[in-house]
Amino acid sequence: MGRAHELAERAPKSLYRPENQVFLSMLRELRQRHGFTQVALAERLGRSQNYVTSAERGVIRLDGLQIRDWCNACGADLVQWATEIERVLGGQEKGRRKGPK
């Protein structure tokens, strides 16, 4: 089998990676930082409060367009928020690396 297949077998599903919990926390923080309750954000998204709760808990997974909608509904810039996520996750990865650079 090819190298890509071998890597795929060893890599845990993103659902179970610690970075996913960081992402979910930042998703919730984004809503709160912009002053929205789950109900208020749900209304802006045209969804139910259960949808927002489920997304923030990781029960349902958001695709790229849904994340964009979430940011827009909060009045946040998607690129800035993605940069913030990358900064936080990048800092975590540096802390986990072992061995010489």
C-alpha atoms as a PDB file:
ATOM      1  CA  MET A   1       0.000   0.000   0.000  1.00  0.00           C
ATOM      2  CA  GLY A   2       1.092   3.576  -0.567  1.00  0.00           C
ATOM      3  CA  ARG A   3       2.475   6.024   1.955  1.00  0.00           C
ATOM      4  CA  ALA A   4      -0.727   8.078   1.962  1.00  0.00           C
ATOM      5  CA  HIS A   5      -2.714   5.014   2.977  1.00  0.00           C
ATOM      6  CA  GLU A   6      -0.231   4.194   5.744  1.00  0.00           C
ATOM      7  CA  LEU A   7      -0.461   7.739   7.118  1.00  0.00           C
ATOM      8  CA  ALA A   8      -4.245   7.647   6.969  1.00  0.00           C
ATOM      9  CA  GLU A   9      -4.284   4.448   9.000  1.00  0.00           C
ATOM     10  CA  ARG A  10      -2.101   5.964  11.726  1.00  0.00           C
ATOM     11  CA  ALA A  11      -3.747   9.378  11.951  1.00  0.00           C
ATOM     12  CA  PRO A  12      -6.651   9.531  14.397  1.00  0.00           C
ATOM     13  CA  LYS A  13      -9.945  10.849  13.101  1.00  0.00           C
ATOM     14  CA  SER A  14     -10.155  14.597  13.632  1.00  0.00           C
ATOM     15  CA  LEU A  15     -13.181  14.048  15.852  1.00  0.00           C
ATOM     16  CA  TYR A  16     -10.902  12.412  18.438  1.00  0.00           C
ATOM     17  CA  ARG A  17      -7.939  14.771  18.163  1.00  0.00           C
ATOM     18  CA  PRO A  18      -7.388  17.258  21.011  1.00  0.00           C
ATOM     19  CA  GLU A  19      -7.407  20.076  18.469  1.00  0.00           C
ATOM     20  CA  ASN A  20     -11.106  19.424  17.894  1.00  0.00           C
ATOM     21  CA  GLN A  21     -11.890  20.380  21.494  1.00  0.00           C
ATOM     22  CA  VAL A  22      -9.913  23.597  21.038  1.00  0.00           C
ATOM     23  CA  PHE A  23     -11.862  24.332  17.843  1.00  0.00           C
ATOM     24  CA  LEU A  24     -15.208  23.738  19.570  1.00  0.00           C
ATOM     25  CA  SER A  25     -14.193  25.953  22.468  1.00  0.00           C
ATOM     26  CA  MET A  26     -13.191  28.717  20.065  1.00  0.00           C
ATOM     27  CA  LEU A  27     -16.468  28.342  18.156  1.00  0.00           C
ATOM     28  CA  ARG A  28     -18.412  28.888  21.384  1.00  0.00           C
ATOM     29  CA  GLU A  29     -16.122  31.751  22.426  1.00  0.00           C
ATOM     30  CA  LEU A  30     -16.675  33.468  19.066  1.00  0.00           C
ATOM     31  CA  ARG A  31     -20.425  33.538  19.669  1.00  0.00           C
ATOM     32  CA  GLN A  32     -20.035  34.743  23.241  1.00  0.00           C
ATOM     33  CA  ARG A  33     -17.417  37.382  22.400  1.00  0.00           C
ATOM     34  CA  HIS A  34     -19.837  38.949  19.924  1.00  0.00           C
ATOM     35  CA  GLY A  35     -22.588  38.994  22.548  1.00  0.00           C
ATOM     36  CA  PHE A  36     -24.922  36.338  21.190  1.00  0.00           C
ATOM     37  CA  THR A  37     -26.842  33.746  23.137  1.00  0.00           C
ATOM     38  CA  GLN A  38     -27.352  30.400  21.469  1.00  0.00           C
ATOM     39  CA  VAL A  39     -30.949  31.387  20.747  1.00  0.00           C
ATOM     40  CA  ALA A  40     -29.961  34.730  19.192  1.00  0.00           C
ATOM     41  CA  LEU A  41     -27.295  33.151  16.992  1.00  0.00           C
ATOM     42  CA  ALA A  42     -29.690  30.398  15.955  1.00  0.00           C
ATOM     43  CA  GLU A  43     -32.188  33.038  14.836  1.00  0.00           C
ATOM     44  CA  ARG A  44     -29.525  34.832  12.786  1.00  0.00           C
ATOM     45  CA  LEU A  45     -28.556  31.506  11.193  1.00  0.00           C
ATOM     46  CA  GLY A  46     -32.174  30.528  10.536  1.00  0.00           C
ATOM     47  CA  ARG A  47     -31.631  27.411  12.623  1.00  0.00           C
ATOM     48  CA  SER A  48     -32.775  26.025  15.955  1.00  0.00           C
ATOM     49  CA  GLN A  49     -31.040  26.589  19.274  1.00  0.00           C
ATOM     50  CA  ASN A  50     -30.413  22.838  19.316  1.00  0.00           C
ATOM     51  CA  TYR A  51     -28.336  23.220  16.135  1.00  0.00           C
ATOM     52  CA  VAL A  52     -26.066  25.775  17.822  1.00  0.00           C
ATOM     53  CA  THR A  53     -25.763  23.630  20.956  1.00  0.00           C
ATOM     54  CA  SER A  54     -25.025  20.525  18.911  1.00  0.00           C
ATOM     55  CA  ALA A  55     -22.388  22.317  16.847  1.00  0.00           C
ATOM     56  CA  GLU A  56     -20.663  23.738  19.926  1.00  0.00           C
ATOM     57  CA  ARG A  57     -20.610  20.334  21.610  1.00  0.00           C
ATOM     58  CA  GLY A  58     -19.326  18.565  18.506  1.00  0.00           C
ATOM     59  CA  VAL A  59     -22.445  16.435  18.149  1.00  0.00           C
ATOM     60  CA  ILE A  60     -22.776  17.701  14.588  1.00  0.00           C
ATOM     61  CA  ARG A  61     -19.853  18.691  12.403  1.00  0.00           C
ATOM     62  CA  LEU A  62     -19.856  21.948  10.496  1.00  0.00           C
ATOM     63  CA  ASP A  63     -18.564  22.135   6.946  1.00  0.00           C
ATOM     64  CA  GLY A  64     -16.661  25.115   5.592  1.00  0.00           C
ATOM     65  CA  LEU A  65     -19.734  26.995   4.409  1.00  0.00           C
ATOM     66  CA  GLN A  66     -21.489  26.490   7.734  1.00  0.00           C
ATOM     67  CA  ILE A  67     -18.445  27.858   9.555  1.00  0.00           C
ATOM     68  CA  ARG A  68     -18.489  30.848   7.204  1.00  0.00           C
ATOM     69  CA  ASP A  69     -22.195  31.377   7.954  1.00  0.00           C
ATOM     70  CA  TRP A  70     -21.461  31.136  11.702  1.00  0.00           C
ATOM     71  CA  CYS A  71     -18.765  33.820  11.446  1.00  0.00           C
ATOM     72  CA  ASN A  72     -20.967  36.078   9.317  1.00  0.00           C
ATOM     73  CA  ALA A  73     -23.889  35.697  11.738  1.00  0.00           C
ATOM     74  CA  CYS A  74     -21.581  36.697  14.601  1.00  0.00           C
ATOM     75  CA  GLY A  75     -20.258  39.658  12.625  1.00  0.00           C
ATOM     76  CA  ALA A  76     -16.780  38.145  12.591  1.00  0.00           C
ATOM     77  CA  ASP A  77     -14.271  37.892   9.774  1.00  0.00           C
ATOM     78  CA  LEU A  78     -13.711  34.265   8.775  1.00  0.00           C
ATOM     79  CA  VAL A  79     -10.078  34.782   7.775  1.00  0.00           C
ATOM     80  CA  GLN A  80      -9.222  36.552  11.037  1.00  0.00           C
ATOM     81  CA  TRP A  81     -10.925  33.830  13.058  1.00  0.00           C
ATOM     82  CA  ALA A  82      -9.142  31.089  11.090  1.00  0.00           C
ATOM     83  CA  THR A  83      -5.853  32.899  11.717  1.00  0.00           C
ATOM     84  CA  GLU A  84      -6.642  32.977  15.429  1.00  0.00           C
ATOM     85  CA  ILE A  85      -7.369  29.240  15.404  1.00  0.00           C
ATOM     86  CA  GLU A  86      -4.137  28.552  13.565  1.00  0.00           C
ATOM     87  CA  ARG A  87      -2.180  30.659  16.062  1.00  0.00           C
ATOM     88  CA  VAL A  88      -3.661  28.746  19.007  1.00  0.00           C
ATOM     89  CA  LEU A  89      -3.291  25.315  17.419  1.00  0.00           C
ATOM     90  CA  GLY A  90       0.170  26.137  16.110  1.00  0.00           C
ATOM     91  CA  GLY A  91       1.253  26.980  19.641  1.00  0.00           C
ATOM     92  CA  GLN A  92      -0.052  23.634  20.870  1.00  0.00           C
ATOM     93  CA  GLU A  93       1.796  21.722  18.165  1.00  0.00           C
ATOM     94  CA  LYS A  94       5.084  23.443  19.025  1.00  0.00           C
ATOM     95  CA  GLY A  95       4.642  22.362  22.626  1.00  0.00           C
ATOM     96  CA  ARG A  96       4.160  18.731  21.583  1.00  0.00           C
ATOM     97  CA  ARG A  97       7.117  18.454  19.221  1.00  0.00           C
ATOM     98  CA  LYS A  98      10.059  16.434  20.439  1.00  0.00           C
ATOM     99  CA  GLY A  99      13.619  16.292  19.287  1.00  0.00           C
ATOM    100  CA  PRO A 100      15.836  18.772  17.489  1.00  0.00           C
ATOM    101  CA  LYS A 101      14.373  21.371  15.132  1.00  0.00           C
END
